[in-house]
N, C-alpha and C. Protein backbone atom coordinates (compact mmCIF):
# COMPACT_ATOMS: atom_id res chain seq x y z
N MET A 1 71.70 120.37 193.84
CA MET A 1 71.52 120.22 192.09
C MET A 1 72.21 119.54 191.85
N ILE A 2 71.99 118.73 190.65
CA ILE A 2 72.53 117.45 189.67
C ILE A 2 73.71 118.16 188.65
N LYS A 3 74.85 118.23 188.59
CA LYS A 3 75.62 118.90 187.59
C LYS A 3 75.95 118.40 186.14
N GLY A 4 76.05 117.21 186.31
CA GLY A 4 76.35 116.41 185.08
C GLY A 4 76.36 114.85 185.43
N LEU A 5 76.77 113.96 184.17
CA LEU A 5 77.20 112.75 184.31
C LEU A 5 78.49 111.97 184.65
N HIS A 6 78.74 111.70 185.96
CA HIS A 6 79.98 111.27 186.16
C HIS A 6 79.98 110.16 185.34
N HIS A 7 79.48 108.53 185.33
CA HIS A 7 79.14 107.85 184.94
C HIS A 7 78.06 107.12 184.56
N SER A 8 77.57 106.08 183.25
CA SER A 8 76.66 105.00 183.64
C SER A 8 77.50 104.10 182.83
N ALA A 9 76.93 102.68 184.10
CA ALA A 9 77.76 102.04 184.42
C ALA A 9 76.28 101.00 183.77
N TYR A 10 77.69 99.76 183.24
CA TYR A 10 76.88 98.16 182.60
C TYR A 10 77.74 97.23 183.16
N ARG A 11 76.80 95.85 182.56
CA ARG A 11 77.44 94.92 182.69
C ARG A 11 78.26 94.23 181.64
N CYS A 12 79.61 93.38 181.59
CA CYS A 12 80.86 93.09 180.56
C CYS A 12 80.64 91.94 180.41
N ARG A 13 80.89 91.20 179.80
CA ARG A 13 80.95 89.99 179.91
C ARG A 13 83.13 89.40 180.56
N ASP A 14 83.49 90.24 179.51
CA ASP A 14 84.93 90.24 179.43
C ASP A 14 85.60 91.44 179.63
N SER A 15 86.31 92.02 180.64
CA SER A 15 86.99 93.47 180.90
C SER A 15 87.66 93.78 179.36
N GLU A 16 89.00 92.87 179.21
CA GLU A 16 89.97 93.36 178.03
C GLU A 16 89.24 93.07 176.76
N GLU A 17 87.83 92.05 176.40
CA GLU A 17 87.38 92.45 175.02
C GLU A 17 86.41 94.00 175.29
N THR A 18 86.08 94.53 176.43
CA THR A 18 85.61 95.14 176.31
C THR A 18 86.10 96.80 176.32
N ARG A 19 87.66 96.40 176.65
CA ARG A 19 88.62 97.95 177.05
C ARG A 19 88.92 97.95 175.15
N LYS A 20 89.29 96.46 174.80
CA LYS A 20 89.74 96.17 173.35
C LYS A 20 88.61 97.74 172.37
N PHE A 21 87.16 97.38 172.77
CA PHE A 21 86.20 97.98 171.70
C PHE A 21 86.12 99.40 172.12
N TYR A 22 86.34 99.79 173.49
CA TYR A 22 86.08 100.97 173.87
C TYR A 22 87.61 101.89 173.99
N GLN A 23 88.65 101.56 174.10
CA GLN A 23 89.15 102.39 174.61
C GLN A 23 90.34 102.17 172.81
N ASP A 24 90.64 101.12 172.38
CA ASP A 24 91.09 100.86 170.83
C ASP A 24 89.93 101.40 169.80
N PHE A 25 88.50 101.02 169.60
CA PHE A 25 88.03 101.20 168.47
C PHE A 25 87.35 102.19 168.90
N LEU A 26 86.98 102.83 170.01
CA LEU A 26 86.17 104.04 169.73
C LEU A 26 87.26 105.05 170.13
N GLY A 27 88.43 104.94 171.02
CA GLY A 27 89.62 105.89 171.74
C GLY A 27 89.25 106.52 173.11
N LEU A 28 88.49 106.00 173.77
CA LEU A 28 87.67 106.22 175.07
C LEU A 28 88.89 105.99 175.87
N LYS A 29 89.88 107.02 176.75
CA LYS A 29 90.99 106.16 177.65
C LYS A 29 90.36 105.72 178.99
N LEU A 30 90.73 104.29 179.03
CA LEU A 30 90.60 103.67 180.33
C LEU A 30 91.35 104.41 181.30
N VAL A 31 90.31 105.25 182.20
CA VAL A 31 91.17 105.78 183.71
C VAL A 31 91.22 105.19 184.75
N GLY A 32 90.32 104.19 184.83
CA GLY A 32 90.32 103.86 186.14
C GLY A 32 89.46 102.43 185.88
N THR A 33 90.41 101.88 187.04
CA THR A 33 89.84 100.24 187.59
C THR A 33 89.59 100.68 188.75
N LEU A 34 88.16 99.74 189.41
CA LEU A 34 88.38 99.52 190.98
C LEU A 34 88.49 97.83 190.95
N ASP A 35 88.89 97.38 191.61
CA ASP A 35 89.03 95.79 191.86
C ASP A 35 88.59 95.34 193.45
N ILE A 36 87.08 94.85 192.81
CA ILE A 36 86.35 95.28 194.22
C ILE A 36 86.15 93.50 194.57
N LYS A 37 86.91 93.54 195.78
CA LYS A 37 86.90 91.64 197.13
C LYS A 37 85.71 91.52 197.82
N ASP A 38 85.29 92.98 198.32
CA ASP A 38 84.61 93.05 199.88
C ASP A 38 83.43 94.12 199.52
N THR A 39 81.85 93.38 199.63
CA THR A 39 80.70 94.67 199.16
C THR A 39 80.83 95.26 200.63
N GLN A 40 79.82 96.65 200.87
CA GLN A 40 79.76 97.26 201.91
C GLN A 40 79.30 96.52 203.24
N SER A 41 78.64 94.77 203.14
CA SER A 41 78.42 94.31 204.01
C SER A 41 79.16 93.37 204.65
N ALA A 42 80.27 93.09 203.61
CA ALA A 42 81.76 92.04 204.11
C ALA A 42 81.73 90.81 203.63
N ARG A 43 81.05 90.79 202.54
CA ARG A 43 80.49 89.54 201.92
C ARG A 43 81.65 89.56 200.94
N LYS A 44 82.19 88.42 200.49
CA LYS A 44 83.40 88.35 199.58
C LYS A 44 82.87 88.08 198.26
N ASN A 45 83.46 88.78 197.51
CA ASN A 45 83.58 89.24 196.02
C ASN A 45 84.67 88.99 195.13
N SER A 46 84.11 88.92 193.77
CA SER A 46 85.04 89.32 192.84
C SER A 46 84.98 89.62 192.21
N VAL A 47 84.82 91.35 191.38
CA VAL A 47 84.31 92.55 190.31
C VAL A 47 85.41 93.14 190.09
N LEU A 48 85.38 93.48 188.97
CA LEU A 48 86.14 94.42 188.31
C LEU A 48 85.19 95.51 187.79
N HIS A 49 85.52 96.76 188.05
CA HIS A 49 84.92 97.82 187.60
C HIS A 49 85.58 99.09 186.73
N THR A 50 85.51 98.54 185.79
CA THR A 50 86.48 99.73 184.86
C THR A 50 86.04 101.44 184.06
N PHE A 51 86.72 102.18 183.64
CA PHE A 51 85.87 103.57 183.34
C PHE A 51 86.66 104.01 182.73
N TYR A 52 85.86 104.30 181.37
CA TYR A 52 86.74 105.09 180.07
C TYR A 52 85.68 106.66 179.92
N GLN A 53 86.75 107.40 180.03
CA GLN A 53 86.41 108.45 179.83
C GLN A 53 86.32 109.42 178.68
N MET A 54 85.29 110.44 178.66
CA MET A 54 84.98 111.14 177.50
C MET A 54 85.78 112.54 177.77
N ASP A 55 85.26 113.50 176.28
CA ASP A 55 86.33 114.75 176.57
C ASP A 55 85.55 115.50 177.73
N ASP A 56 84.66 115.74 177.91
CA ASP A 56 83.35 115.86 179.01
C ASP A 56 84.00 115.92 180.10
N GLY A 57 85.10 114.80 180.57
CA GLY A 57 84.64 114.62 181.89
C GLY A 57 84.52 113.27 182.03
N SER A 58 82.92 113.35 181.94
CA SER A 58 82.27 111.90 181.92
C SER A 58 82.49 110.71 182.02
N CYS A 59 82.04 109.33 182.66
CA CYS A 59 83.12 107.81 182.18
C CYS A 59 81.32 106.79 181.60
N LEU A 60 81.91 106.03 180.70
CA LEU A 60 81.26 104.55 180.41
C LEU A 60 82.28 103.69 181.50
N ALA A 61 81.10 103.17 182.42
CA ALA A 61 81.99 102.03 183.02
C ALA A 61 81.60 100.88 183.21
N PHE A 62 81.80 99.67 183.43
CA PHE A 62 81.25 98.79 183.14
C PHE A 62 81.94 97.88 184.96
N PHE A 63 80.72 96.50 184.98
CA PHE A 63 81.15 95.45 186.19
C PHE A 63 81.06 94.08 185.44
N GLU A 64 82.63 93.82 185.54
CA GLU A 64 82.85 92.77 185.16
C GLU A 64 82.76 91.38 186.55
N ALA A 65 81.79 90.45 186.55
CA ALA A 65 81.55 89.98 188.07
C ALA A 65 81.09 88.11 187.60
N PRO A 66 82.66 87.54 187.06
CA PRO A 66 82.05 86.72 186.82
C PRO A 66 81.36 85.20 187.41
N ASP A 67 81.30 85.37 188.40
CA ASP A 67 80.00 84.39 189.76
C ASP A 67 79.15 84.92 189.77
N MET A 68 78.27 86.13 189.08
CA MET A 68 77.19 86.72 189.17
C MET A 68 76.65 86.79 187.59
N PRO A 69 75.53 85.83 187.85
CA PRO A 69 75.13 85.19 186.27
C PRO A 69 74.42 86.72 185.95
N PHE A 70 74.17 86.76 185.05
CA PHE A 70 73.76 88.03 184.06
C PHE A 70 73.52 87.88 182.76
N ASP A 71 72.55 88.13 181.99
CA ASP A 71 72.00 87.24 181.03
C ASP A 71 71.96 88.56 180.19
N PHE A 72 73.29 88.22 179.24
CA PHE A 72 73.95 88.93 178.21
C PHE A 72 72.64 88.53 176.93
N LYS A 73 72.32 89.60 176.54
CA LYS A 73 71.46 89.55 175.11
C LYS A 73 71.54 91.08 174.16
N ALA A 74 71.44 90.24 173.01
CA ALA A 74 71.36 91.89 171.94
C ALA A 74 70.06 92.28 172.29
N GLN A 75 70.62 93.90 172.57
CA GLN A 75 69.47 94.79 172.97
C GLN A 75 68.92 95.82 171.44
N HIS A 76 67.78 96.20 171.43
CA HIS A 76 67.37 96.64 170.03
C HIS A 76 67.21 98.37 170.03
N ASP A 77 67.55 98.59 169.58
CA ASP A 77 68.00 100.12 169.66
C ASP A 77 66.33 101.13 170.57
N PHE A 78 65.34 100.54 170.70
CA PHE A 78 64.80 101.04 171.17
C PHE A 78 64.70 100.58 172.63
N ASP A 79 65.41 99.31 173.19
CA ASP A 79 65.13 99.06 174.35
C ASP A 79 66.51 99.76 175.21
N LEU A 80 67.68 99.81 174.40
CA LEU A 80 68.69 100.44 175.25
C LEU A 80 70.16 100.51 174.52
N HIS A 81 70.36 101.80 174.59
CA HIS A 81 71.29 101.77 173.42
C HIS A 81 71.98 103.29 173.74
N ILE A 82 73.41 103.59 174.06
CA ILE A 82 74.71 104.54 174.23
C ILE A 82 74.66 105.50 173.33
N ALA A 83 74.21 106.91 172.98
CA ALA A 83 74.38 107.82 171.92
C ALA A 83 75.71 108.54 172.62
N LEU A 84 76.49 108.50 171.75
CA LEU A 84 77.52 109.27 171.92
C LEU A 84 78.10 110.43 170.67
N GLU A 85 78.61 112.29 171.94
CA GLU A 85 78.31 112.56 170.04
C GLU A 85 79.66 113.07 169.93
N VAL A 86 79.78 113.04 168.58
CA VAL A 86 81.05 113.28 167.64
C VAL A 86 80.30 114.06 166.67
N ASP A 87 81.63 115.18 165.81
CA ASP A 87 81.15 116.03 164.99
C ASP A 87 80.94 114.83 163.53
N GLU A 88 80.85 115.78 162.28
CA GLU A 88 80.45 115.04 161.16
C GLU A 88 81.94 114.47 160.51
N PRO A 89 82.72 114.89 160.36
CA PRO A 89 83.43 114.24 160.16
C PRO A 89 83.97 112.61 160.80
N THR A 90 84.06 113.09 162.46
CA THR A 90 84.29 111.64 163.15
C THR A 90 83.63 110.56 162.43
N LEU A 91 81.67 111.14 162.59
CA LEU A 91 80.98 110.58 161.87
C LEU A 91 81.17 109.57 160.49
N HIS A 92 81.58 109.98 159.92
CA HIS A 92 82.10 109.07 158.58
C HIS A 92 83.25 108.82 158.74
N SER A 93 84.60 108.92 159.08
CA SER A 93 85.52 108.20 159.22
C SER A 93 84.86 106.78 160.59
N MET A 94 84.44 107.13 161.77
CA MET A 94 83.99 105.96 162.00
C MET A 94 83.22 104.77 162.33
N PHE A 95 81.99 105.82 160.74
CA PHE A 95 81.59 104.23 159.91
C PHE A 95 82.68 103.59 159.34
N ALA A 96 83.38 103.75 158.09
CA ALA A 96 84.35 103.11 157.26
C ALA A 96 85.42 102.45 158.62
N LYS A 97 85.73 103.31 159.86
CA LYS A 97 87.09 101.92 160.33
C LYS A 97 85.39 100.85 160.75
N GLY A 98 84.79 101.05 161.65
CA GLY A 98 83.66 99.77 162.11
C GLY A 98 83.47 98.84 160.76
N LYS A 99 83.10 99.89 159.31
CA LYS A 99 83.12 98.44 158.47
C LYS A 99 84.85 97.88 157.63
N GLU A 100 85.34 97.97 158.04
CA GLU A 100 86.73 97.94 158.06
C GLU A 100 86.98 96.26 158.79
N GLN A 101 86.80 96.72 160.11
CA GLN A 101 87.23 96.18 161.13
C GLN A 101 86.12 95.27 161.16
N GLY A 102 84.97 94.75 160.27
CA GLY A 102 84.08 93.92 160.44
C GLY A 102 83.15 94.07 161.93
N ILE A 103 82.91 94.74 162.34
CA ILE A 103 82.03 95.21 163.43
C ILE A 103 81.14 95.53 163.33
N HIS A 104 79.77 95.13 163.69
CA HIS A 104 78.27 95.51 163.40
C HIS A 104 78.63 96.55 163.72
N THR A 105 78.08 97.29 161.95
CA THR A 105 77.91 99.13 161.64
C THR A 105 76.73 99.33 160.67
N ARG A 106 75.95 100.14 161.40
CA ARG A 106 74.61 100.59 160.90
C ARG A 106 74.77 102.18 160.44
N GLY A 107 73.90 102.87 159.08
CA GLY A 107 73.44 103.70 159.20
C GLY A 107 74.32 104.22 157.89
N ILE A 108 74.21 105.39 157.71
CA ILE A 108 73.88 106.40 158.75
C ILE A 108 72.62 107.30 158.48
N ALA A 109 72.31 107.26 159.56
CA ALA A 109 70.68 107.43 159.44
C ALA A 109 70.75 108.84 160.07
N ASP A 110 69.86 109.63 158.97
CA ASP A 110 69.10 111.06 158.75
C ASP A 110 68.16 111.28 160.30
N HIS A 111 68.03 111.92 161.17
CA HIS A 111 67.04 112.08 162.24
C HIS A 111 66.46 113.57 162.40
N GLY A 112 66.93 113.91 161.34
CA GLY A 112 66.69 115.41 161.60
C GLY A 112 67.78 116.32 162.02
N MET A 113 67.31 116.44 163.19
CA MET A 113 68.57 117.17 163.62
C MET A 113 69.79 117.06 164.33
N VAL A 114 69.80 115.58 164.07
CA VAL A 114 71.14 115.15 164.17
C VAL A 114 71.67 113.45 163.02
N HIS A 115 72.54 113.39 162.64
CA HIS A 115 73.14 112.12 161.69
C HIS A 115 73.93 110.75 162.88
N SER A 116 73.31 109.86 162.31
CA SER A 116 73.99 108.76 163.76
C SER A 116 74.27 108.01 162.84
N ILE A 117 75.27 107.27 163.48
CA ILE A 117 75.91 105.95 163.51
C ILE A 117 75.67 104.64 163.93
N TYR A 118 75.50 103.46 164.24
CA TYR A 118 75.05 102.24 165.48
C TYR A 118 76.13 101.05 165.60
N PHE A 119 76.65 100.47 166.00
CA PHE A 119 77.37 99.83 166.62
C PHE A 119 77.02 98.94 167.37
N ARG A 120 77.57 97.50 167.63
CA ARG A 120 77.16 96.40 168.84
C ARG A 120 78.37 96.52 169.32
N ASP A 121 78.34 96.34 170.75
CA ASP A 121 79.77 96.23 171.13
C ASP A 121 79.93 95.35 171.60
N PRO A 122 80.66 94.20 172.19
CA PRO A 122 81.06 92.57 172.74
C PRO A 122 80.21 91.96 173.68
N ASN A 123 79.14 93.07 174.22
CA ASN A 123 78.26 92.46 175.28
C ASN A 123 77.02 92.96 174.49
N GLY A 124 77.07 93.18 173.49
CA GLY A 124 75.28 93.19 172.76
C GLY A 124 74.87 94.62 172.79
N TYR A 125 75.74 96.29 173.47
CA TYR A 125 74.73 96.91 174.04
C TYR A 125 75.06 97.40 172.07
N VAL A 126 74.06 97.82 172.21
CA VAL A 126 74.17 99.29 170.67
C VAL A 126 74.83 100.72 171.32
N ILE A 127 75.44 101.38 170.82
CA ILE A 127 76.39 102.10 170.68
C ILE A 127 76.39 103.07 169.63
N GLU A 128 75.91 104.21 169.62
CA GLU A 128 75.36 105.22 168.48
C GLU A 128 76.09 106.25 169.23
N LEU A 129 76.82 106.52 167.61
CA LEU A 129 77.77 108.05 167.90
C LEU A 129 76.68 108.90 166.41
N THR A 130 76.71 110.14 167.59
CA THR A 130 75.96 110.80 166.57
C THR A 130 76.09 112.47 166.15
N ALA A 131 76.30 113.04 165.46
CA ALA A 131 76.43 114.56 164.99
C ALA A 131 75.46 115.35 164.87
N LYS A 132 75.43 116.63 166.05
CA LYS A 132 74.40 117.35 165.75
C LYS A 132 74.79 118.30 163.83
N MET A 133 73.45 118.39 163.61
CA MET A 133 72.90 119.19 162.74
C MET A 133 72.72 120.56 163.27
N PRO A 134 72.39 121.90 161.98
CA PRO A 134 72.78 122.91 162.18
C PRO A 134 70.91 123.24 163.38
N SER A 135 70.07 122.72 162.40
CA SER A 135 69.09 122.74 163.21
C SER A 135 68.61 121.81 165.37
N HIS A 136 69.60 121.33 165.34
CA HIS A 136 69.54 120.84 166.42
C HIS A 136 68.90 121.13 167.78
N ASP A 137 69.75 122.53 168.09
CA ASP A 137 69.68 123.31 169.09
C ASP A 137 67.91 123.53 168.96
N GLU A 138 67.62 124.47 168.16
CA GLU A 138 66.10 124.76 167.84
C GLU A 138 65.52 123.50 168.40
N ALA A 139 65.19 121.73 168.06
CA ALA A 139 64.92 121.19 167.97
C ALA A 139 65.14 120.40 169.53
N MET A 140 65.32 121.17 170.15
CA MET A 140 66.02 120.77 171.92
C MET A 140 65.46 122.02 172.36
N ASN A 141 64.47 122.66 171.95
CA ASN A 141 64.26 124.44 173.02
C ASN A 141 62.87 123.51 173.00
N PRO A 142 62.93 123.14 174.90
CA PRO A 142 61.59 123.24 174.86
C PRO A 142 60.21 124.32 174.83
N ALA A 143 61.24 125.35 174.74
CA ALA A 143 60.76 126.68 174.86
C ALA A 143 59.64 126.47 173.42
N THR A 144 60.08 126.02 172.36
CA THR A 144 59.47 126.52 171.08
C THR A 144 59.00 124.95 170.38
N ASN A 145 59.06 124.04 170.70
CA ASN A 145 59.36 122.43 170.13
C ASN A 145 58.43 121.89 170.52
N GLY A 146 57.75 122.03 171.51
CA GLY A 146 55.90 121.88 171.90
C GLY A 146 56.18 120.35 172.49
N ALA A 147 57.79 120.13 173.50
CA ALA A 147 57.84 118.58 174.19
C ALA A 147 57.06 118.40 174.70
N ARG A 148 56.27 119.04 175.53
CA ARG A 148 55.59 118.48 176.70
C ARG A 148 54.24 118.44 176.29
N GLU A 149 53.71 119.32 175.19
CA GLU A 149 52.23 118.97 174.82
C GLU A 149 52.26 117.39 173.45
N ILE A 150 53.33 117.20 173.56
CA ILE A 150 53.80 116.03 172.35
C ILE A 150 53.11 114.88 173.16
N LEU A 151 54.31 114.86 174.51
CA LEU A 151 54.28 114.02 175.22
C LEU A 151 52.62 113.83 176.19
N ASP A 152 52.23 115.12 175.68
CA ASP A 152 50.34 115.00 177.05
C ASP A 152 49.74 114.43 176.19
N LYS A 153 49.68 114.75 174.58
CA LYS A 153 48.85 113.99 173.40
C LYS A 153 49.08 112.77 173.19
N TRP A 154 50.82 112.44 173.41
CA TRP A 154 51.00 111.16 173.33
C TRP A 154 49.68 109.64 174.35
N GLN A 155 49.96 110.62 175.56
CA GLN A 155 49.40 109.89 177.51
C GLN A 155 48.16 109.86 176.63
N ALA A 156 47.44 111.00 176.42
CA ALA A 156 45.75 110.89 176.25
C ALA A 156 45.80 110.11 175.20
N ALA A 157 46.42 109.83 174.13
CA ALA A 157 46.01 108.87 172.58
C ALA A 157 46.31 107.12 173.42
N LYS A 158 46.97 107.34 174.67
CA LYS A 158 47.03 105.61 174.58
C LYS A 158 45.61 105.16 175.45
N GLY A 159 45.07 105.99 176.01
CA GLY A 159 43.85 105.42 176.76
C GLY A 159 44.15 105.32 178.09
C-alpha cells in the first residue's frame, strides 16, 4: 500500500542557487544531502542530491550532476509544474514577496476549487502555490464529480 509521497526529484543547475529559492524564498527546510561518489555498479560519479521538506514530511529533491548533460528549459505549465499547498493569506504574501524580489511571478488565478500563483525557479521549473477554496473537497470527490465519465468522454472524443 502506498502511504504517501516521500520525495519527488528533479535535476538542478546549481545546488546553492536552488537552495536559495527553495529554502530562503519558499521556506522549505534543507533536511538532507547525499554526496554520491559511486553508483551501485561502482562507476565513479559526482552528484549532489538535496532534500527540502514540507510540513507533511514529504520532500522536493534535486540532483546536481555537473558531468551529466541535461537540457534545462523553461517548462510550460501544461508540461510540468509542481503544485504546493498553502493557505490563502500565505498565497497573497508570497505573491507580493515574489514581485518584490524580482522572481518571475504570475497569478492570482481562480480555478474555482483553488486559487493559484506561479513562480519560475532557477532551473526553469514552474512552481505553483495553491490555496484550497471551500468548494475544493466537493470538486475532488469522485463519487459526485463525474471524474471517470469526463475522462471516458475525452478519450472517446479523441477518436
